[in-house]
């Protein structure tokens, strides 16, 4: 979206880190790129990639939400928060595994894909089994069973990210704010 998590991660990572922001909405890509050009020596660079992420590489449709761009979604996703579709745009979707071919492996993934979490993680088998990043993922109720299965199969423990670290206990199922850590 507008980079709240990307720029917070850049500040935490420091100048030797790197943050990759993947966003399919070209209007939001422009905002992210303008923010990334602001030179802040204490933060990591933020690289903005104008794609959607899913379970396959393909041409798909991005639905621009009526209520707010944070609810945009690619074909097959979306929620009642959108208020409907303002318009659609053709975009390319890529997989997380494909990103491993062209970018350094990430240590952390923040995922927010509007009811397509299961599809995205289905295109991330190498990412989950070889790279094993920490994952913070918004998981819709409909996607909980699929996301839970994928994460458990990849030997991740699931936690509620809203719970203070000192009180966290492993969960059997993914929740809205899922924190997934490799075992």
N, C-alpha and C. Protein backbone atom coordinates (compact mmCIF):
# COMPACT_ATOMS: atom_id res chain seq x y z
N UNK A 1 0.84 -1.18 0.00
CA UNK A 1 0.00 0.00 0.00
C UNK A 1 0.88 1.24 0.00
N UNK A 2 0.85 2.09 1.01
CA UNK A 2 1.61 3.33 1.01
C UNK A 2 2.96 3.19 1.70
N UNK A 3 3.31 2.02 2.17
CA UNK A 3 4.65 1.78 2.68
C UNK A 3 4.85 1.85 4.17
N UNK A 4 3.77 1.85 4.95
CA UNK A 4 3.92 1.92 6.41
C UNK A 4 4.90 0.85 6.91
N UNK A 5 4.67 -0.40 6.54
CA UNK A 5 5.54 -1.48 7.01
C UNK A 5 6.89 -1.45 6.31
N UNK A 6 6.91 -1.09 5.04
CA UNK A 6 8.18 -1.05 4.29
C UNK A 6 9.13 -0.03 4.89
N UNK A 7 8.65 1.17 5.17
CA UNK A 7 9.54 2.20 5.67
C UNK A 7 9.87 2.00 7.15
N UNK A 8 8.98 1.37 7.90
CA UNK A 8 9.33 0.99 9.28
C UNK A 8 10.43 -0.07 9.25
N UNK A 9 10.31 -1.04 8.34
CA UNK A 9 11.34 -2.07 8.21
C UNK A 9 12.67 -1.47 7.77
N UNK A 10 12.61 -0.47 6.90
CA UNK A 10 13.83 0.20 6.44
C UNK A 10 14.53 0.90 7.60
N UNK A 11 13.76 1.51 8.48
CA UNK A 11 14.35 2.18 9.64
C UNK A 11 14.98 1.17 10.60
N UNK A 12 14.30 0.05 10.81
CA UNK A 12 14.83 -0.99 11.70
C UNK A 12 16.06 -1.67 11.10
N UNK A 13 16.04 -1.88 9.79
CA UNK A 13 17.14 -2.58 9.12
C UNK A 13 18.43 -1.77 9.07
N UNK A 14 18.31 -0.47 9.04
CA UNK A 14 19.50 0.37 8.97
C UNK A 14 20.08 0.41 7.57
N UNK A 15 21.13 1.21 7.38
CA UNK A 15 21.66 1.46 6.04
C UNK A 15 22.26 0.22 5.36
N UNK A 16 22.57 -0.82 6.10
CA UNK A 16 23.14 -2.02 5.49
C UNK A 16 22.07 -3.04 5.08
N UNK A 17 20.82 -2.77 5.42
CA UNK A 17 19.73 -3.66 5.05
C UNK A 17 19.17 -3.33 3.68
N UNK A 18 18.11 -4.04 3.33
CA UNK A 18 17.41 -3.79 2.07
C UNK A 18 15.97 -4.22 2.26
N UNK A 19 15.04 -3.40 1.76
CA UNK A 19 13.62 -3.69 1.85
C UNK A 19 13.06 -3.71 0.43
N UNK A 20 12.31 -4.74 0.13
CA UNK A 20 11.64 -4.87 -1.16
C UNK A 20 10.14 -4.71 -0.92
N UNK A 21 9.53 -3.75 -1.59
CA UNK A 21 8.08 -3.54 -1.49
C UNK A 21 7.47 -3.96 -2.82
N UNK A 22 6.56 -4.91 -2.78
CA UNK A 22 5.89 -5.39 -3.98
C UNK A 22 4.47 -4.86 -3.96
N UNK A 23 4.09 -4.10 -4.99
CA UNK A 23 2.78 -3.44 -5.04
C UNK A 23 2.29 -3.41 -6.48
N UNK A 24 1.09 -3.93 -6.76
CA UNK A 24 0.60 -3.94 -8.14
C UNK A 24 -0.08 -2.66 -8.61
N UNK A 25 -0.53 -1.81 -7.70
CA UNK A 25 -1.26 -0.60 -8.07
C UNK A 25 -0.26 0.48 -8.48
N UNK A 26 -0.26 0.87 -9.75
CA UNK A 26 0.74 1.82 -10.25
C UNK A 26 0.66 3.18 -9.56
N UNK A 27 -0.53 3.60 -9.14
CA UNK A 27 -0.67 4.86 -8.41
C UNK A 27 0.08 4.77 -7.08
N UNK A 28 -0.08 3.64 -6.37
CA UNK A 28 0.62 3.45 -5.10
C UNK A 28 2.12 3.24 -5.32
N UNK A 29 2.48 2.58 -6.42
CA UNK A 29 3.90 2.40 -6.75
C UNK A 29 4.57 3.76 -6.87
N UNK A 30 3.91 4.71 -7.51
CA UNK A 30 4.48 6.05 -7.65
C UNK A 30 4.69 6.71 -6.29
N UNK A 31 3.70 6.57 -5.39
CA UNK A 31 3.87 7.14 -4.03
C UNK A 31 5.03 6.47 -3.30
N UNK A 32 5.11 5.16 -3.38
CA UNK A 32 6.20 4.43 -2.72
C UNK A 32 7.55 4.86 -3.27
N UNK A 33 7.64 5.00 -4.57
CA UNK A 33 8.92 5.40 -5.18
C UNK A 33 9.30 6.82 -4.79
N UNK A 34 8.32 7.72 -4.72
CA UNK A 34 8.64 9.08 -4.28
C UNK A 34 9.17 9.08 -2.84
N UNK A 35 8.54 8.29 -1.98
CA UNK A 35 9.01 8.20 -0.59
C UNK A 35 10.38 7.54 -0.52
N UNK A 36 10.62 6.55 -1.36
CA UNK A 36 11.90 5.84 -1.31
C UNK A 36 13.06 6.72 -1.79
N UNK A 37 12.75 7.73 -2.60
CA UNK A 37 13.81 8.64 -3.08
C UNK A 37 14.27 9.63 -2.01
N UNK A 38 13.49 9.77 -0.93
CA UNK A 38 13.92 10.65 0.16
C UNK A 38 15.13 10.02 0.83
N UNK A 39 16.23 10.69 0.78
CA UNK A 39 17.47 10.11 1.30
C UNK A 39 17.51 10.25 2.82
N UNK A 40 17.47 9.12 3.47
CA UNK A 40 17.58 9.07 4.93
C UNK A 40 18.73 8.12 5.22
N UNK A 41 19.91 8.64 5.59
CA UNK A 41 21.10 7.81 5.72
C UNK A 41 20.99 6.68 6.73
N UNK A 42 20.10 6.82 7.72
CA UNK A 42 20.00 5.81 8.77
C UNK A 42 19.12 4.63 8.37
N UNK A 43 18.46 4.67 7.22
CA UNK A 43 17.54 3.59 6.86
C UNK A 43 18.03 2.81 5.65
N UNK A 44 17.50 1.61 5.53
CA UNK A 44 17.79 0.76 4.37
C UNK A 44 17.10 1.33 3.14
N UNK A 45 17.66 1.09 1.97
CA UNK A 45 16.95 1.49 0.76
C UNK A 45 15.69 0.65 0.60
N UNK A 46 14.65 1.27 0.03
CA UNK A 46 13.40 0.56 -0.25
C UNK A 46 13.29 0.46 -1.77
N UNK A 47 13.26 -0.77 -2.26
CA UNK A 47 13.14 -1.04 -3.69
C UNK A 47 11.69 -1.42 -3.96
N UNK A 48 11.06 -0.72 -4.89
CA UNK A 48 9.65 -0.92 -5.18
C UNK A 48 9.51 -1.70 -6.48
N UNK A 49 8.77 -2.80 -6.43
CA UNK A 49 8.57 -3.66 -7.59
C UNK A 49 7.08 -3.66 -7.94
N UNK A 50 6.73 -3.25 -9.17
CA UNK A 50 5.31 -3.11 -9.55
C UNK A 50 4.69 -4.40 -10.09
N UNK A 51 4.47 -5.36 -9.20
CA UNK A 51 3.83 -6.63 -9.55
C UNK A 51 2.87 -7.02 -8.44
N UNK A 52 2.01 -7.98 -8.75
CA UNK A 52 1.21 -8.66 -7.74
C UNK A 52 1.96 -9.95 -7.40
N UNK A 53 1.66 -10.55 -6.26
CA UNK A 53 2.26 -11.83 -5.90
C UNK A 53 1.14 -12.83 -5.69
N UNK A 54 1.31 -14.01 -6.30
CA UNK A 54 0.29 -15.05 -6.22
C UNK A 54 0.96 -16.41 -6.31
N UNK A 55 0.22 -17.40 -6.78
CA UNK A 55 0.75 -18.76 -6.89
C UNK A 55 1.28 -19.09 -8.27
N UNK A 56 1.18 -18.14 -9.21
CA UNK A 56 1.68 -18.40 -10.56
C UNK A 56 2.06 -17.09 -11.24
N UNK A 57 2.88 -17.22 -12.24
CA UNK A 57 3.25 -16.07 -13.06
C UNK A 57 2.23 -15.99 -14.18
N UNK A 58 1.51 -14.87 -14.21
CA UNK A 58 0.45 -14.73 -15.21
C UNK A 58 0.00 -13.28 -15.31
N UNK A 59 -0.77 -13.01 -16.33
CA UNK A 59 -1.46 -11.74 -16.46
C UNK A 59 -2.79 -11.89 -15.72
N UNK A 60 -3.07 -10.96 -14.82
CA UNK A 60 -4.31 -11.03 -14.04
C UNK A 60 -4.92 -9.64 -13.94
N UNK A 61 -6.02 -9.55 -13.26
CA UNK A 61 -6.72 -8.27 -13.09
C UNK A 61 -6.60 -7.79 -11.65
N UNK A 62 -6.20 -6.53 -11.51
CA UNK A 62 -6.16 -5.86 -10.21
C UNK A 62 -7.43 -5.05 -10.09
N UNK A 63 -8.18 -5.30 -9.03
CA UNK A 63 -9.41 -4.55 -8.76
C UNK A 63 -9.07 -3.40 -7.82
N UNK A 64 -9.32 -2.18 -8.29
CA UNK A 64 -9.10 -0.99 -7.47
C UNK A 64 -10.38 -0.77 -6.65
N UNK A 65 -10.23 -0.84 -5.34
CA UNK A 65 -11.38 -0.78 -4.43
C UNK A 65 -12.01 0.62 -4.41
N UNK A 66 -13.31 0.66 -4.22
CA UNK A 66 -14.02 1.93 -4.12
C UNK A 66 -13.70 2.62 -2.79
N UNK A 67 -13.70 1.88 -1.69
CA UNK A 67 -13.56 2.49 -0.36
C UNK A 67 -12.15 2.94 -0.02
N UNK A 68 -11.16 2.34 -0.57
CA UNK A 68 -9.79 2.73 -0.24
C UNK A 68 -8.81 1.76 -0.88
N UNK A 69 -7.70 2.29 -1.31
CA UNK A 69 -6.74 1.48 -2.05
C UNK A 69 -6.10 0.39 -1.19
N UNK A 70 -6.17 0.48 0.11
CA UNK A 70 -5.61 -0.58 0.95
C UNK A 70 -6.40 -1.87 0.81
N UNK A 71 -7.58 -1.81 0.20
CA UNK A 71 -8.41 -3.00 -0.01
C UNK A 71 -8.36 -3.50 -1.46
N UNK A 72 -7.47 -2.96 -2.28
CA UNK A 72 -7.31 -3.46 -3.65
C UNK A 72 -7.02 -4.95 -3.61
N UNK A 73 -7.37 -5.64 -4.67
CA UNK A 73 -7.13 -7.09 -4.71
C UNK A 73 -7.02 -7.58 -6.14
N UNK A 74 -6.31 -8.70 -6.30
CA UNK A 74 -6.26 -9.30 -7.63
C UNK A 74 -7.41 -10.30 -7.77
N UNK A 75 -7.68 -10.63 -9.02
CA UNK A 75 -8.80 -11.50 -9.37
C UNK A 75 -8.87 -12.72 -8.45
N UNK A 76 -10.05 -12.96 -7.89
CA UNK A 76 -10.26 -14.11 -7.01
C UNK A 76 -10.20 -13.76 -5.54
N UNK A 77 -9.76 -12.55 -5.20
CA UNK A 77 -9.66 -12.14 -3.80
C UNK A 77 -10.69 -11.09 -3.47
N UNK A 78 -10.36 -10.26 -2.49
CA UNK A 78 -11.24 -9.17 -2.11
C UNK A 78 -12.09 -9.49 -0.90
N UNK A 79 -12.71 -8.46 -0.36
CA UNK A 79 -13.58 -8.61 0.81
C UNK A 79 -14.65 -7.55 0.78
N UNK A 80 -15.51 -7.56 1.77
CA UNK A 80 -16.58 -6.56 1.84
C UNK A 80 -16.02 -5.16 2.12
N UNK A 81 -14.77 -5.07 2.61
CA UNK A 81 -14.15 -3.77 2.87
C UNK A 81 -13.95 -2.94 1.61
N UNK A 82 -13.96 -3.58 0.45
CA UNK A 82 -13.65 -2.86 -0.79
C UNK A 82 -14.73 -1.87 -1.17
N UNK A 83 -15.99 -2.18 -0.83
CA UNK A 83 -17.10 -1.36 -1.27
C UNK A 83 -17.39 -1.54 -2.75
N UNK A 84 -16.80 -2.55 -3.34
CA UNK A 84 -16.94 -2.81 -4.77
C UNK A 84 -15.67 -2.42 -5.51
N UNK A 85 -15.72 -2.57 -6.81
CA UNK A 85 -14.57 -2.29 -7.66
C UNK A 85 -14.78 -0.99 -8.42
N UNK A 86 -13.86 -0.06 -8.26
CA UNK A 86 -13.88 1.22 -8.97
C UNK A 86 -13.53 1.00 -10.44
N UNK A 87 -12.47 0.19 -10.67
CA UNK A 87 -12.04 -0.18 -12.02
C UNK A 87 -11.06 -1.34 -11.90
N UNK A 88 -10.73 -1.95 -13.02
CA UNK A 88 -9.73 -3.01 -13.03
C UNK A 88 -8.58 -2.60 -13.94
N UNK A 89 -7.40 -3.12 -13.62
CA UNK A 89 -6.21 -2.89 -14.42
C UNK A 89 -5.51 -4.22 -14.62
N UNK A 90 -4.96 -4.44 -15.78
CA UNK A 90 -4.17 -5.65 -16.03
C UNK A 90 -2.81 -5.51 -15.37
N UNK A 91 -2.42 -6.55 -14.65
CA UNK A 91 -1.11 -6.57 -13.98
C UNK A 91 -0.50 -7.96 -14.13
N UNK A 92 0.78 -8.03 -13.92
CA UNK A 92 1.49 -9.31 -13.93
C UNK A 92 1.59 -9.79 -12.49
N UNK A 93 1.29 -11.06 -12.27
CA UNK A 93 1.54 -11.64 -10.95
C UNK A 93 2.77 -12.54 -11.05
N UNK A 94 3.52 -12.55 -9.98
CA UNK A 94 4.72 -13.38 -9.86
C UNK A 94 4.58 -14.23 -8.61
N UNK A 95 5.50 -15.15 -8.40
CA UNK A 95 5.50 -15.96 -7.18
C UNK A 95 6.67 -15.55 -6.30
N UNK A 96 6.56 -15.87 -5.02
CA UNK A 96 7.69 -15.62 -4.13
C UNK A 96 8.89 -16.45 -4.53
N UNK A 97 8.65 -17.67 -5.02
CA UNK A 97 9.78 -18.49 -5.47
C UNK A 97 10.48 -17.86 -6.67
N UNK A 98 9.73 -17.23 -7.58
CA UNK A 98 10.35 -16.55 -8.71
C UNK A 98 11.22 -15.40 -8.22
N UNK A 99 10.76 -14.68 -7.22
CA UNK A 99 11.56 -13.57 -6.68
C UNK A 99 12.92 -14.05 -6.18
N UNK A 100 12.99 -15.30 -5.69
CA UNK A 100 14.27 -15.85 -5.24
C UNK A 100 15.27 -15.97 -6.38
N UNK A 101 14.78 -16.05 -7.61
CA UNK A 101 15.67 -16.15 -8.77
C UNK A 101 16.35 -14.82 -9.07
N UNK A 102 15.76 -13.71 -8.66
CA UNK A 102 16.27 -12.40 -9.08
C UNK A 102 16.66 -11.47 -7.93
N UNK A 103 16.32 -11.82 -6.71
CA UNK A 103 16.62 -10.97 -5.56
C UNK A 103 17.23 -11.80 -4.44
N UNK A 104 17.96 -11.16 -3.54
CA UNK A 104 18.47 -11.89 -2.37
C UNK A 104 17.32 -12.43 -1.52
N UNK A 105 17.55 -13.53 -0.85
CA UNK A 105 16.53 -14.16 0.00
C UNK A 105 16.18 -13.23 1.17
N UNK A 106 14.90 -13.10 1.48
CA UNK A 106 14.49 -12.23 2.59
C UNK A 106 14.59 -12.94 3.94
N UNK A 107 14.75 -12.15 4.97
CA UNK A 107 14.71 -12.67 6.33
C UNK A 107 13.31 -12.60 6.91
N UNK A 108 12.52 -11.63 6.41
CA UNK A 108 11.17 -11.40 6.92
C UNK A 108 10.24 -11.15 5.73
N UNK A 109 9.01 -11.67 5.81
CA UNK A 109 7.97 -11.39 4.83
C UNK A 109 6.77 -10.79 5.55
N UNK A 110 6.23 -9.69 5.02
CA UNK A 110 4.96 -9.13 5.50
C UNK A 110 3.98 -9.34 4.36
N UNK A 111 2.90 -10.07 4.63
CA UNK A 111 1.95 -10.45 3.58
C UNK A 111 0.57 -9.89 3.91
N UNK A 112 -0.01 -9.19 2.92
CA UNK A 112 -1.37 -8.67 3.02
C UNK A 112 -1.94 -8.69 1.61
N UNK A 113 -2.66 -9.74 1.26
CA UNK A 113 -3.12 -9.93 -0.12
C UNK A 113 -4.62 -10.17 -0.24
N UNK A 114 -5.38 -9.68 0.72
CA UNK A 114 -6.84 -9.65 0.62
C UNK A 114 -7.47 -10.97 0.18
N UNK A 115 -7.41 -11.96 1.06
CA UNK A 115 -8.06 -13.27 0.89
C UNK A 115 -7.37 -14.16 -0.15
N UNK A 116 -6.12 -13.89 -0.47
CA UNK A 116 -5.38 -14.77 -1.38
C UNK A 116 -4.10 -15.29 -0.73
N UNK A 117 -4.08 -15.32 0.60
CA UNK A 117 -2.89 -15.76 1.32
C UNK A 117 -2.52 -17.20 0.98
N UNK A 118 -3.50 -18.06 0.87
CA UNK A 118 -3.24 -19.46 0.53
C UNK A 118 -2.62 -19.59 -0.85
N UNK A 119 -3.15 -18.84 -1.81
CA UNK A 119 -2.58 -18.87 -3.17
C UNK A 119 -1.15 -18.36 -3.16
N UNK A 120 -0.90 -17.26 -2.49
CA UNK A 120 0.46 -16.71 -2.44
C UNK A 120 1.43 -17.73 -1.84
N UNK A 121 1.06 -18.32 -0.71
CA UNK A 121 1.95 -19.28 -0.06
C UNK A 121 2.11 -20.56 -0.88
N UNK A 122 1.13 -20.90 -1.71
CA UNK A 122 1.26 -22.06 -2.59
C UNK A 122 2.36 -21.85 -3.62
N UNK A 123 2.67 -20.62 -3.94
CA UNK A 123 3.75 -20.31 -4.87
C UNK A 123 5.05 -19.99 -4.17
N UNK A 124 5.21 -20.49 -2.94
CA UNK A 124 6.38 -20.16 -2.13
C UNK A 124 7.02 -21.39 -1.50
N UNK A 125 6.96 -22.54 -2.15
CA UNK A 125 7.50 -23.76 -1.51
C UNK A 125 8.99 -23.66 -1.25
N UNK A 126 9.77 -23.15 -2.20
CA UNK A 126 11.22 -22.98 -1.97
C UNK A 126 11.48 -21.94 -0.89
N UNK A 127 10.72 -20.88 -0.94
CA UNK A 127 10.87 -19.81 0.06
C UNK A 127 10.66 -20.38 1.46
N UNK A 128 9.62 -21.20 1.61
CA UNK A 128 9.28 -21.73 2.94
C UNK A 128 10.21 -22.84 3.40
N UNK A 129 10.68 -23.68 2.48
CA UNK A 129 11.49 -24.83 2.89
C UNK A 129 12.99 -24.58 2.87
N UNK A 130 13.46 -23.67 2.01
CA UNK A 130 14.90 -23.41 1.91
C UNK A 130 15.32 -22.12 2.60
N UNK A 131 14.59 -21.05 2.37
CA UNK A 131 14.96 -19.75 2.92
C UNK A 131 14.48 -19.59 4.36
N UNK A 132 13.23 -19.99 4.61
CA UNK A 132 12.62 -20.02 5.93
C UNK A 132 12.58 -18.65 6.63
N UNK A 133 12.02 -17.64 5.96
CA UNK A 133 11.92 -16.33 6.60
C UNK A 133 10.86 -16.32 7.70
N UNK A 134 10.95 -15.35 8.57
CA UNK A 134 9.86 -15.08 9.52
C UNK A 134 8.75 -14.43 8.71
N UNK A 135 7.51 -14.75 9.05
CA UNK A 135 6.37 -14.28 8.26
C UNK A 135 5.35 -13.61 9.17
N UNK A 136 4.91 -12.44 8.75
CA UNK A 136 3.78 -11.76 9.39
C UNK A 136 2.73 -11.64 8.31
N UNK A 137 1.58 -12.28 8.52
CA UNK A 137 0.59 -12.39 7.45
C UNK A 137 -0.81 -12.12 7.98
N UNK A 138 -1.52 -11.22 7.30
CA UNK A 138 -2.95 -11.07 7.58
C UNK A 138 -3.65 -12.25 6.93
N UNK A 139 -4.37 -13.03 7.72
CA UNK A 139 -5.01 -14.24 7.22
C UNK A 139 -6.52 -14.12 7.39
N UNK A 140 -7.23 -14.13 6.28
CA UNK A 140 -8.69 -14.07 6.33
C UNK A 140 -9.25 -15.39 6.84
N UNK A 141 -10.43 -15.35 7.40
CA UNK A 141 -11.07 -16.55 7.96
C UNK A 141 -11.16 -17.66 6.92
N UNK A 142 -11.51 -17.30 5.67
CA UNK A 142 -11.66 -18.31 4.61
C UNK A 142 -10.34 -19.01 4.30
N UNK A 143 -9.23 -18.32 4.50
CA UNK A 143 -7.92 -18.87 4.14
C UNK A 143 -7.21 -19.58 5.30
N UNK A 144 -7.77 -19.48 6.51
CA UNK A 144 -7.10 -20.06 7.68
C UNK A 144 -6.73 -21.53 7.49
N UNK A 145 -7.64 -22.41 7.01
CA UNK A 145 -7.25 -23.82 6.89
C UNK A 145 -6.11 -24.06 5.91
N UNK A 146 -6.14 -23.40 4.77
CA UNK A 146 -5.08 -23.59 3.77
C UNK A 146 -3.75 -23.04 4.27
N UNK A 147 -3.78 -21.83 4.81
CA UNK A 147 -2.55 -21.22 5.33
C UNK A 147 -1.98 -22.06 6.47
N UNK A 148 -2.83 -22.52 7.37
CA UNK A 148 -2.38 -23.36 8.47
C UNK A 148 -1.70 -24.61 7.93
N UNK A 149 -2.31 -25.28 6.97
CA UNK A 149 -1.73 -26.50 6.40
C UNK A 149 -0.39 -26.25 5.74
N UNK A 150 -0.29 -25.20 4.96
CA UNK A 150 0.98 -24.89 4.27
C UNK A 150 2.07 -24.59 5.29
N UNK A 151 1.77 -23.78 6.29
CA UNK A 151 2.78 -23.42 7.28
C UNK A 151 3.20 -24.62 8.13
N UNK A 152 2.24 -25.44 8.54
CA UNK A 152 2.60 -26.63 9.32
C UNK A 152 3.42 -27.60 8.47
N UNK A 153 3.03 -27.80 7.21
CA UNK A 153 3.79 -28.70 6.33
C UNK A 153 5.22 -28.22 6.13
N UNK A 154 5.44 -26.91 6.19
CA UNK A 154 6.78 -26.35 6.03
C UNK A 154 7.51 -26.20 7.37
N UNK A 155 6.97 -26.80 8.43
CA UNK A 155 7.57 -26.77 9.78
C UNK A 155 7.71 -25.37 10.35
N UNK A 156 6.61 -24.62 10.29
CA UNK A 156 6.54 -23.32 10.93
C UNK A 156 5.65 -23.44 12.16
N UNK A 157 5.97 -22.67 13.20
CA UNK A 157 5.08 -22.52 14.34
C UNK A 157 4.27 -21.25 14.13
N UNK A 158 3.01 -21.29 14.52
CA UNK A 158 2.08 -20.19 14.29
C UNK A 158 1.77 -19.51 15.62
N UNK A 159 1.80 -18.18 15.61
CA UNK A 159 1.50 -17.38 16.80
C UNK A 159 0.55 -16.25 16.41
N UNK A 160 -0.08 -15.66 17.42
CA UNK A 160 -0.88 -14.46 17.22
C UNK A 160 0.05 -13.27 17.39
N UNK A 161 0.29 -12.51 16.31
CA UNK A 161 1.21 -11.38 16.36
C UNK A 161 0.73 -10.26 17.27
N UNK A 162 -0.56 -10.26 17.62
CA UNK A 162 -1.10 -9.21 18.49
C UNK A 162 -0.76 -9.45 19.96
N UNK A 163 -0.32 -10.65 20.29
CA UNK A 163 0.00 -11.00 21.67
C UNK A 163 1.46 -10.62 21.95
N UNK A 164 1.70 -10.01 23.10
CA UNK A 164 3.05 -9.64 23.50
C UNK A 164 3.96 -10.86 23.45
N UNK A 165 5.18 -10.64 23.00
CA UNK A 165 6.15 -11.74 22.84
C UNK A 165 6.29 -12.60 24.09
N UNK A 166 6.29 -11.98 25.26
CA UNK A 166 6.47 -12.74 26.50
C UNK A 166 5.29 -13.65 26.81
N UNK A 167 4.14 -13.39 26.23
CA UNK A 167 2.94 -14.19 26.50
C UNK A 167 2.53 -15.09 25.32
N UNK A 168 3.27 -15.06 24.23
CA UNK A 168 2.90 -15.85 23.04
C UNK A 168 3.05 -17.33 23.28
N UNK A 169 2.08 -18.06 22.77
CA UNK A 169 2.12 -19.52 22.79
C UNK A 169 1.78 -20.00 21.38
N UNK A 170 2.39 -21.11 20.95
CA UNK A 170 2.08 -21.63 19.61
C UNK A 170 0.59 -21.96 19.48
N UNK A 171 0.04 -21.68 18.30
CA UNK A 171 -1.37 -21.95 18.00
C UNK A 171 -1.49 -23.11 17.03
N UNK A 172 -2.66 -23.73 17.04
CA UNK A 172 -2.91 -24.82 16.10
C UNK A 172 -3.32 -24.30 14.73
N UNK A 173 -3.90 -23.09 14.68
CA UNK A 173 -4.41 -22.53 13.43
C UNK A 173 -3.95 -21.10 13.24
N UNK A 174 -3.87 -20.70 11.98
CA UNK A 174 -3.57 -19.32 11.65
C UNK A 174 -4.71 -18.42 12.16
N UNK A 175 -4.36 -17.18 12.49
CA UNK A 175 -5.32 -16.19 12.96
C UNK A 175 -5.16 -14.94 12.10
N UNK A 176 -5.99 -13.93 12.33
CA UNK A 176 -5.97 -12.72 11.51
C UNK A 176 -4.55 -12.14 11.39
N UNK A 177 -3.87 -11.93 12.50
CA UNK A 177 -2.50 -11.40 12.49
C UNK A 177 -1.55 -12.55 12.82
N UNK A 178 -1.27 -13.37 11.83
CA UNK A 178 -0.44 -14.55 12.04
C UNK A 178 1.05 -14.18 11.99
N UNK A 179 1.76 -14.65 12.98
CA UNK A 179 3.21 -14.60 12.99
C UNK A 179 3.65 -16.05 12.84
N UNK A 180 4.42 -16.35 11.80
CA UNK A 180 4.88 -17.72 11.55
C UNK A 180 6.40 -17.74 11.63
N UNK A 181 6.90 -18.59 12.53
CA UNK A 181 8.34 -18.69 12.73
C UNK A 181 8.81 -20.10 12.41
N UNK A 182 9.94 -20.22 11.69
CA UNK A 182 10.44 -21.57 11.38
C UNK A 182 10.84 -22.29 12.66
N UNK A 183 10.55 -23.59 12.69
CA UNK A 183 10.94 -24.39 13.87
C UNK A 183 12.42 -24.66 13.85
